[in-house]
Amino acid sequence: MGVLANYTHESMSRLLRPQRPPFDVASLSAREREVLLWTAEGKTADEIGDILGISTRTVNFHIRNCLDKTGCRNKVQSAIRLVMWR
């Protein structure tokens, strides 16, 4: 009986857990996608800024926008989601 109760509880918990809206790559600007792709390559904000000819502060601005749009907690998670959706 306990096994059935545990299974039922786990199943209901999964169903009732708030779901994140699906990630839409189109919600990211071209520059945001570019910054995330360089992040996925292991580049730092300073390196990305040098590559793109923008300031580190601007790179970090784009990364923050990406986090907001993707619902991710950090830039690596956001970059991974972008790469997986390409």
Protein backbone atom coordinates (compact mmCIF):
# COMPACT_ATOMS: atom_id res chain seq x y z
CA MET A 1 0.00 0.00 0.00
CA GLY A 2 2.86 2.39 0.82
CA VAL A 3 4.41 1.89 -2.63
CA LEU A 4 1.16 2.82 -4.34
CA ALA A 5 0.78 5.91 -2.15
CA ASN A 6 4.34 7.02 -2.94
CA TYR A 7 3.82 6.48 -6.67
CA THR A 8 0.55 8.42 -6.61
CA HIS A 9 2.13 11.25 -4.63
CA GLU A 10 5.12 11.53 -7.00
CA SER A 11 2.88 11.45 -10.08
CA MET A 12 0.58 14.15 -8.74
CA SER A 13 3.54 16.29 -7.65
CA ARG A 14 4.96 16.16 -11.18
CA LEU A 15 1.62 17.11 -12.70
CA LEU A 16 0.99 20.00 -10.33
CA ARG A 17 4.53 21.41 -10.37
CA PRO A 18 4.64 24.80 -12.11
CA GLN A 19 6.05 24.41 -15.59
CA ARG A 20 8.40 26.87 -17.21
CA PRO A 21 7.07 28.27 -20.45
CA PRO A 22 8.85 26.81 -23.47
CA PHE A 23 12.02 28.62 -24.50
CA ASP A 24 11.60 30.60 -27.70
CA VAL A 25 14.88 31.33 -29.47
CA ALA A 26 13.11 34.03 -31.49
CA SER A 27 12.67 36.05 -28.29
CA LEU A 28 16.44 36.66 -28.23
CA SER A 29 17.96 39.39 -30.36
CA ALA A 30 20.68 38.49 -32.85
CA ARG A 31 23.27 40.08 -30.55
CA GLU A 32 22.00 38.16 -27.51
CA ARG A 33 22.25 34.88 -29.43
CA GLU A 34 25.75 35.81 -30.56
CA VAL A 35 26.85 36.58 -26.99
CA LEU A 36 25.41 33.28 -25.76
CA LEU A 37 27.10 31.30 -28.53
CA TRP A 38 30.46 32.81 -27.58
CA THR A 39 29.67 31.98 -23.95
CA ALA A 40 29.01 28.38 -24.99
CA GLU A 41 32.48 28.39 -26.58
CA GLY A 42 33.91 29.22 -23.14
CA LYS A 43 34.69 32.88 -23.76
CA THR A 44 34.60 35.37 -20.88
CA ALA A 45 32.67 38.64 -21.03
CA ASP A 46 35.97 40.49 -21.62
CA GLU A 47 36.88 38.19 -24.51
CA ILE A 48 33.41 38.43 -26.04
CA GLY A 49 33.58 42.21 -25.80
CA ASP A 50 36.91 42.23 -27.64
CA ILE A 51 35.61 39.88 -30.34
CA LEU A 52 32.41 41.87 -30.92
CA GLY A 53 33.93 45.30 -30.42
CA ILE A 54 31.67 46.16 -27.49
CA SER A 55 32.33 46.84 -23.82
CA THR A 56 32.29 44.16 -21.14
CA ARG A 57 29.42 46.05 -19.55
CA THR A 58 27.39 45.73 -22.77
CA VAL A 59 28.15 42.00 -22.93
CA ASN A 60 26.90 41.60 -19.37
CA PHE A 61 23.79 43.63 -20.27
CA HIS A 62 23.01 41.19 -23.08
CA ILE A 63 23.64 38.22 -20.79
CA ARG A 64 21.22 39.61 -18.17
CA ASN A 65 18.59 40.06 -20.89
CA CYS A 66 19.13 36.45 -21.97
CA LEU A 67 18.67 35.22 -18.42
CA ASP A 68 15.40 37.10 -18.13
CA LYS A 69 14.13 35.81 -21.47
CA THR A 70 15.20 32.19 -20.99
CA GLY A 71 14.31 31.90 -17.31
CA CYS A 72 17.77 30.52 -16.59
CA ARG A 73 19.77 31.16 -13.44
CA ASN A 74 23.19 31.68 -15.02
CA LYS A 75 24.79 32.36 -18.38
CA VAL A 76 26.09 28.83 -18.85
CA GLN A 77 22.62 27.34 -18.41
CA SER A 78 21.24 29.92 -20.82
CA ALA A 79 23.95 29.17 -23.40
CA ILE A 80 23.30 25.44 -23.14
CA ARG A 81 19.59 25.96 -23.72
CA LEU A 82 20.33 28.04 -26.82
CA VAL A 83 22.70 25.42 -28.24
CA MET A 84 20.19 22.64 -27.55
CA TRP A 85 17.41 24.57 -29.35
CA ARG A 86 19.47 25.39 -32.45
